[in-house]
Amino acid sequence: MLMVGLLMFGLFALSGGAMVLALVLTRRERLAIERRLRIAAGAAAFGDDELELWRRSHGPGFDGRVRRVFAIGQPYTWGMTRGAAGLLTVAAAAAAISIFGAMVLLAWPAWLTCLAALGIAFVLPRTILIRQQREAEAQFSELFPDAVVAIARMLRAGLPITTAVRAVSKESPPPVNTVFATISDQVDIGTPIEEALDASSHRIGLPDYRFFAVAIVLQHLTGGNLAATLEILADIIRRRRAVRLKSKATTAEIRVSAYVLAGIPFLVIGGLLIMQPGYLAPLISDPRGQFILLAAFACLAAAGLTMRQMMRSVSTL
């Protein structure tokens, strides 16, 4: 019990120290940016709006670095907005609960408990970030055709493409407005719109948005009826989305069956614990039972991930 208390105290102390460090580093980074800009261009060259624009258009702060640690290996992270304080709190809480369960309930050795706690403390915040990214991608794909149509209509009205992008960044709901606001901010500080669109297409990674960026860059460089091209592109994007929704509806029965099969073991365990609690006691008290229980959960997790990946591959066609 003393070891458990020390480990939990250390985790919470580490989480609190990381939160304080985040606040200190964020303020220090902001002051350093302002000082460099003032020195490089003079005190009167940059106002508060320009400073804020520069911060939004450049590298991430402490929150972004923490998200990169938990999202390592993920190709796209633009939809991840959870702050460092929340992620570190979730990681510390998950580690504390896993330490308590492993050492008190399962009587695992300290080294195995530490490994399990570190793994859970990394996986749980990572799962939250990946889920947030997928939700942002789904919402962006749903709202993006309307933004393309809005840009095409403004182009037909005689507005330039930069003004149309700025208007969409102000009027569209998130996350579409955030993506177009980043492009507008980069154009405002002197980045050519071709480079801003190319960089955003690599950062977003969605095929529909890449088609949009390529269409605007080509039409902007070679000329032509950009409004008509964007209207055709919006219609193609809507048709692609309809096909994805149709495939998702087709696999609905398979997904429900997978959920039922994954839930049956837990329902059986719950029933046995209610009707005959001592029947499953060897799985907790006996080391061989603990190994069997761990192997069973690992097999269930592998099967669930396999079925999920198969269903996602069908729904993203």
Protein backbone atom coordinates (compact mmCIF):
# COMPACT_ATOMS: atom_id res chain seq x y z
CA MET A 1 0.00 0.00 0.00
CA LEU A 2 2.89 2.37 0.70
CA MET A 3 4.27 1.75 -2.77
CA VAL A 4 0.85 2.44 -4.30
CA GLY A 5 0.54 5.69 -2.38
CA LEU A 6 4.00 6.83 -3.41
CA LEU A 7 3.36 6.04 -7.07
CA MET A 8 0.01 7.84 -7.09
CA PHE A 9 1.49 10.85 -5.29
CA GLY A 10 4.33 10.98 -7.81
CA LEU A 11 1.94 10.84 -10.76
CA PHE A 12 -0.27 13.63 -9.44
CA ALA A 13 2.77 15.73 -8.53
CA LEU A 14 4.16 15.20 -12.04
CA SER A 15 0.84 16.22 -13.59
CA GLY A 16 0.60 19.36 -11.47
CA GLY A 17 4.19 20.32 -12.23
CA ALA A 18 3.58 19.84 -15.96
CA MET A 19 0.52 22.11 -15.83
CA VAL A 20 2.48 24.86 -14.06
CA LEU A 21 5.33 24.43 -16.53
CA ALA A 22 2.86 24.75 -19.41
CA LEU A 23 1.65 28.11 -18.13
CA VAL A 24 5.19 29.39 -17.57
CA LEU A 25 6.48 28.26 -20.97
CA THR A 26 3.44 29.64 -22.79
CA ARG A 27 3.91 33.10 -21.27
CA ARG A 28 7.66 33.00 -21.88
CA GLU A 29 7.16 31.95 -25.49
CA ARG A 30 4.66 34.78 -26.07
CA LEU A 31 7.03 37.38 -24.65
CA ALA A 32 9.92 36.03 -26.74
CA ILE A 33 7.86 36.27 -29.94
CA GLU A 34 6.88 39.85 -29.22
CA ARG A 35 10.46 40.83 -28.41
CA ARG A 36 11.84 39.32 -31.62
CA LEU A 37 9.21 40.99 -33.77
CA ARG A 38 9.77 44.37 -32.14
CA ILE A 39 13.53 44.10 -32.66
CA ALA A 40 13.27 42.85 -36.26
CA ALA A 41 10.77 45.41 -37.57
CA GLY A 42 10.69 48.23 -35.05
CA ALA A 43 8.26 48.96 -32.25
CA ALA A 44 5.73 50.70 -34.50
CA ALA A 45 5.71 48.13 -37.30
CA PHE A 46 3.70 45.45 -35.51
CA GLY A 47 0.53 46.07 -33.58
CA ASP A 48 -1.46 43.68 -31.43
CA ASP A 49 -3.41 42.32 -34.43
CA GLU A 50 -0.24 41.56 -36.37
CA LEU A 51 1.34 39.87 -33.36
CA GLU A 52 -1.69 37.65 -32.86
CA LEU A 53 -1.74 36.85 -36.59
CA TRP A 54 1.93 35.86 -36.47
CA ARG A 55 1.36 33.57 -33.48
CA ARG A 56 -1.57 31.81 -35.18
CA SER A 57 0.40 31.27 -38.38
CA HIS A 58 3.57 29.78 -36.83
CA GLY A 59 4.62 26.83 -34.74
CA PRO A 60 2.61 25.29 -31.89
CA GLY A 61 3.01 26.20 -28.24
CA PHE A 62 3.27 23.90 -25.27
CA ASP A 63 -0.21 22.44 -25.88
CA GLY A 64 0.79 21.50 -29.41
CA ARG A 65 3.99 19.84 -28.25
CA VAL A 66 2.13 17.74 -25.69
CA ARG A 67 -0.40 16.72 -28.35
CA ARG A 68 2.46 15.71 -30.64
CA VAL A 69 3.85 13.41 -27.94
CA PHE A 70 0.55 11.59 -27.50
CA ALA A 71 -0.26 11.63 -31.23
CA ILE A 72 3.13 10.37 -32.38
CA GLY A 73 2.80 8.35 -35.58
CA GLN A 74 -0.46 10.04 -36.63
CA PRO A 75 -0.11 11.67 -40.07
CA TYR A 76 -2.76 14.37 -39.48
CA THR A 77 -3.33 16.23 -36.23
CA TRP A 78 -5.08 19.46 -37.30
CA GLY A 79 -8.36 18.47 -35.63
CA MET A 80 -6.79 17.79 -32.24
CA THR A 81 -7.54 20.72 -29.94
CA ARG A 82 -7.44 19.18 -26.47
CA GLY A 83 -5.12 21.19 -24.20
CA ALA A 84 -2.05 19.94 -22.39
CA ALA A 85 -3.66 20.32 -18.98
CA GLY A 86 -6.57 18.04 -19.87
CA LEU A 87 -4.37 15.43 -21.51
CA LEU A 88 -1.92 15.29 -18.62
CA THR A 89 -4.78 15.08 -16.11
CA VAL A 90 -6.35 12.17 -18.00
CA ALA A 91 -2.98 10.44 -18.23
CA ALA A 92 -2.31 10.85 -14.49
CA ALA A 93 -5.79 9.67 -13.51
CA ALA A 94 -5.58 6.64 -15.81
CA ALA A 95 -2.16 5.73 -14.44
CA ALA A 96 -3.34 6.09 -10.83
CA ILE A 97 -6.39 3.89 -11.39
CA SER A 98 -4.35 1.26 -13.22
CA ILE A 99 -1.74 1.22 -10.42
CA PHE A 100 -4.42 0.76 -7.79
CA GLY A 101 -6.12 -2.03 -9.74
CA ALA A 102 -2.91 -3.83 -10.63
CA MET A 103 -1.21 -3.74 -7.22
CA VAL A 104 -4.18 -3.93 -4.87
CA LEU A 105 -6.70 -6.05 -6.78
CA LEU A 106 -4.43 -8.19 -8.97
CA ALA A 107 -1.28 -8.15 -6.79
CA TRP A 108 1.04 -7.59 -9.74
CA PRO A 109 4.74 -6.87 -9.12
CA ALA A 110 5.89 -3.26 -9.11
CA TRP A 111 7.75 -3.41 -12.44
CA LEU A 112 4.77 -4.87 -14.29
CA THR A 113 2.44 -2.37 -12.63
CA CYS A 114 4.62 0.53 -13.74
CA LEU A 115 4.72 -0.74 -17.31
CA ALA A 116 0.94 -1.16 -17.40
CA ALA A 117 0.42 2.29 -15.87
CA LEU A 118 2.72 3.95 -18.40
CA GLY A 119 1.01 2.16 -21.27
CA ILE A 120 -2.48 3.14 -20.16
CA ALA A 121 -1.36 6.72 -19.41
CA PHE A 122 -0.15 6.98 -23.01
CA VAL A 123 -2.94 5.09 -24.79
CA LEU A 124 -5.94 6.81 -23.20
CA PRO A 125 -5.02 10.44 -24.13
CA ARG A 126 -3.92 9.19 -27.54
CA THR A 127 -7.32 7.56 -28.06
CA ILE A 128 -9.06 10.81 -27.11
CA LEU A 129 -6.98 12.78 -29.61
CA ILE A 130 -7.48 10.28 -32.44
CA ARG A 131 -11.22 10.26 -31.84
CA GLN A 132 -11.26 14.06 -31.88
CA GLN A 133 -9.33 14.09 -35.15
CA ARG A 134 -11.74 11.65 -36.81
CA GLU A 135 -14.74 13.65 -35.65
CA ALA A 136 -13.19 16.82 -37.04
CA GLU A 137 -12.51 15.12 -40.39
CA ALA A 138 -16.07 13.81 -40.59
CA GLN A 139 -17.53 17.22 -39.76
CA PHE A 140 -15.23 18.95 -42.24
CA SER A 141 -16.23 16.53 -45.01
CA GLU A 142 -19.89 17.20 -44.30
CA LEU A 143 -19.61 21.00 -44.34
CA PHE A 144 -16.93 21.43 -46.99
CA PRO A 145 -19.22 21.24 -50.11
CA ASP A 146 -21.27 24.19 -48.82
CA ALA A 147 -18.09 26.23 -48.38
CA VAL A 148 -16.99 25.42 -51.94
CA VAL A 149 -20.38 26.50 -53.31
CA ALA A 150 -20.20 29.72 -51.28
CA ILE A 151 -16.78 30.52 -52.74
CA ALA A 152 -18.05 29.80 -56.28
CA ARG A 153 -21.00 32.17 -55.80
CA MET A 154 -18.77 34.95 -54.49
CA LEU A 155 -16.47 34.47 -57.49
CA ARG A 156 -19.45 34.80 -59.82
CA ALA A 157 -20.33 38.03 -58.04
CA GLY A 158 -16.92 39.43 -58.95
CA LEU A 159 -15.03 39.01 -55.68
CA PRO A 160 -11.39 37.83 -55.76
CA ILE A 161 -10.50 34.42 -54.40
CA THR A 162 -8.71 35.86 -51.35
CA THR A 163 -11.79 37.83 -50.32
CA ALA A 164 -13.99 34.76 -50.82
CA VAL A 165 -11.72 32.65 -48.64
CA ARG A 166 -11.73 35.32 -45.92
CA ALA A 167 -15.55 35.49 -46.03
CA VAL A 168 -15.85 31.72 -45.70
CA SER A 169 -13.46 31.77 -42.75
CA LYS A 170 -15.77 34.20 -40.96
CA GLU A 171 -19.17 32.72 -41.87
CA SER A 172 -18.64 28.95 -41.96
CA PRO A 173 -19.01 26.76 -38.86
CA PRO A 174 -15.99 24.96 -37.37
CA PRO A 175 -13.77 23.25 -38.36
CA VAL A 176 -14.13 24.71 -41.87
CA ASN A 177 -13.70 28.27 -40.63
CA THR A 178 -10.46 27.38 -38.83
CA VAL A 179 -8.90 25.88 -41.96
CA PHE A 180 -9.81 28.83 -44.18
CA ALA A 181 -8.84 31.33 -41.46
CA THR A 182 -5.34 29.83 -41.46
CA ILE A 183 -5.11 30.32 -45.23
CA SER A 184 -6.33 33.92 -44.96
CA ASP A 185 -3.87 34.66 -42.17
CA GLN A 186 -0.97 33.32 -44.22
CA VAL A 187 -2.04 35.38 -47.24
CA ASP A 188 -2.30 38.48 -45.03
CA ILE A 189 1.31 38.15 -43.90
CA GLY A 190 2.57 37.83 -47.49
CA THR A 191 2.36 34.12 -48.34
CA PRO A 192 1.14 33.51 -51.92
CA ILE A 193 -2.24 31.81 -52.00
CA GLU A 194 -0.80 28.94 -54.04
CA GLU A 195 1.69 28.12 -51.30
CA ALA A 196 -0.93 28.56 -48.57
CA LEU A 197 -3.33 26.17 -50.30
CA ASP A 198 -0.60 23.64 -51.01
CA ALA A 199 0.56 23.69 -47.38
CA SER A 200 -3.00 23.37 -46.07
CA SER A 201 -3.76 20.46 -48.41
CA HIS A 202 -0.77 18.56 -47.04
CA ARG A 203 -1.79 19.43 -43.48
CA ILE A 204 -5.47 18.48 -43.89
CA GLY A 205 -4.87 15.35 -45.94
CA LEU A 206 -8.48 14.85 -47.08
CA PRO A 207 -8.85 13.94 -50.79
CA ASP A 208 -11.78 16.32 -51.31
CA TYR A 209 -9.79 19.26 -49.98
CA ARG A 210 -6.78 18.32 -52.12
CA PHE A 211 -9.01 18.42 -55.22
CA PHE A 212 -10.18 21.88 -54.15
CA ALA A 213 -6.64 23.17 -53.61
CA VAL A 214 -5.37 21.79 -56.92
CA ALA A 215 -8.34 23.27 -58.80
CA ILE A 216 -7.81 26.75 -57.37
CA VAL A 217 -4.04 26.69 -57.92
CA LEU A 218 -4.37 25.56 -61.55
CA GLN A 219 -7.11 28.04 -62.37
CA HIS A 220 -5.25 30.82 -60.59
CA LEU A 221 -2.08 30.17 -62.58
CA THR A 222 -3.57 29.39 -66.01
CA GLY A 223 -6.88 31.29 -65.93
CA GLY A 224 -10.35 30.04 -66.71
CA ASN A 225 -13.83 29.86 -65.19
CA LEU A 226 -12.96 29.04 -61.59
CA ALA A 227 -16.55 29.43 -60.37
CA ALA A 228 -17.84 26.73 -62.73
CA THR A 229 -14.96 24.43 -61.78
CA LEU A 230 -15.73 24.79 -58.08
CA GLU A 231 -19.44 24.11 -58.63
CA ILE A 232 -18.62 20.90 -60.48
CA LEU A 233 -16.18 19.96 -57.72
CA ALA A 234 -18.82 20.56 -55.04
CA ASP A 235 -21.22 18.25 -56.88
CA ILE A 236 -18.53 15.54 -57.13
CA ILE A 237 -17.76 15.86 -53.42
CA ARG A 238 -21.45 15.48 -52.53
CA ARG A 239 -21.71 12.36 -54.68
CA ARG A 240 -18.64 10.85 -53.06
CA ARG A 241 -20.14 11.54 -49.65
CA ALA A 242 -23.41 9.89 -50.73
CA VAL A 243 -21.49 6.77 -51.75
CA ARG A 244 -19.72 6.69 -48.37
CA LEU A 245 -23.01 7.03 -46.51
CA LYS A 246 -24.51 4.25 -48.63
CA SER A 247 -21.61 1.93 -47.81
CA LYS A 248 -21.97 2.80 -44.14
CA ALA A 249 -25.67 1.93 -44.23
CA THR A 250 -24.89 -1.32 -46.03
CA THR A 251 -22.49 -2.40 -43.29
CA ALA A 252 -24.80 -1.35 -40.44
CA GLU A 253 -25.92 -4.93 -39.75
CA ILE A 254 -22.31 -6.13 -39.69
CA ARG A 255 -21.35 -3.39 -37.25
CA VAL A 256 -24.21 -4.20 -34.90
CA SER A 257 -23.26 -7.88 -34.99
CA ALA A 258 -19.67 -6.97 -34.14
CA TYR A 259 -20.81 -4.88 -31.18
CA VAL A 260 -23.04 -7.69 -29.91
CA LEU A 261 -20.27 -10.27 -30.20
CA ALA A 262 -17.84 -7.97 -28.40
CA GLY A 263 -20.31 -7.35 -25.57
CA ILE A 264 -21.30 -10.98 -24.92
CA PRO A 265 -18.19 -11.87 -22.83
CA PHE A 266 -18.73 -8.89 -20.56
CA LEU A 267 -22.41 -9.72 -20.12
CA VAL A 268 -21.52 -13.31 -19.22
CA ILE A 269 -18.91 -12.13 -16.70
CA GLY A 270 -21.39 -9.70 -15.16
CA GLY A 271 -24.03 -12.43 -14.85
CA LEU A 272 -21.62 -14.84 -13.22
CA LEU A 273 -20.46 -12.19 -10.74
CA ILE A 274 -24.07 -11.58 -9.73
CA MET A 275 -25.25 -15.20 -9.54
CA GLN A 276 -22.08 -16.93 -8.34
CA PRO A 277 -19.30 -14.49 -7.36
CA GLY A 278 -16.78 -17.13 -6.32
CA TYR A 279 -16.83 -18.89 -9.68
CA LEU A 280 -14.44 -16.38 -11.26
CA ALA A 281 -12.25 -15.86 -8.19
CA PRO A 282 -9.32 -17.98 -9.54
CA LEU A 283 -9.00 -15.59 -12.48
CA ILE A 284 -8.03 -12.85 -10.00
CA SER A 285 -6.29 -14.67 -7.17
CA ASP A 286 -4.32 -17.27 -9.16
CA PRO A 287 -1.41 -16.03 -11.33
CA ARG A 288 -2.40 -18.51 -14.03
CA GLY A 289 -5.92 -17.10 -13.99
CA GLN A 290 -4.55 -13.58 -14.28
CA PHE A 291 -2.55 -14.62 -17.33
CA ILE A 292 -5.63 -16.21 -18.89
CA LEU A 293 -7.69 -13.11 -18.15
CA LEU A 294 -5.05 -10.84 -19.66
CA ALA A 295 -4.77 -13.03 -22.75
CA ALA A 296 -8.56 -13.05 -23.16
CA PHE A 297 -8.75 -9.25 -23.01
CA ALA A 298 -5.86 -8.97 -25.46
CA CYS A 299 -7.63 -11.29 -27.92
CA LEU A 300 -10.89 -9.37 -27.55
CA ALA A 301 -9.08 -6.07 -28.16
CA ALA A 302 -7.29 -7.46 -31.23
CA ALA A 303 -10.55 -8.83 -32.65
CA GLY A 304 -12.34 -5.54 -32.02
CA LEU A 305 -9.61 -3.50 -33.68
CA THR A 306 -9.55 -5.86 -36.66
CA MET A 307 -13.31 -5.62 -37.20
CA ARG A 308 -13.21 -1.84 -36.77
CA GLN A 309 -10.45 -1.48 -39.34
CA MET A 310 -12.34 -3.66 -41.81
CA MET A 311 -15.49 -1.58 -41.40
CA ARG A 312 -13.55 1.69 -41.72
CA SER A 313 -11.89 0.50 -44.91
CA VAL A 314 -15.33 -0.12 -46.41
CA SER A 315 -16.82 3.18 -45.21
CA THR A 316 -13.94 5.27 -46.62
CA LEU A 317 -14.16 4.00 -50.16
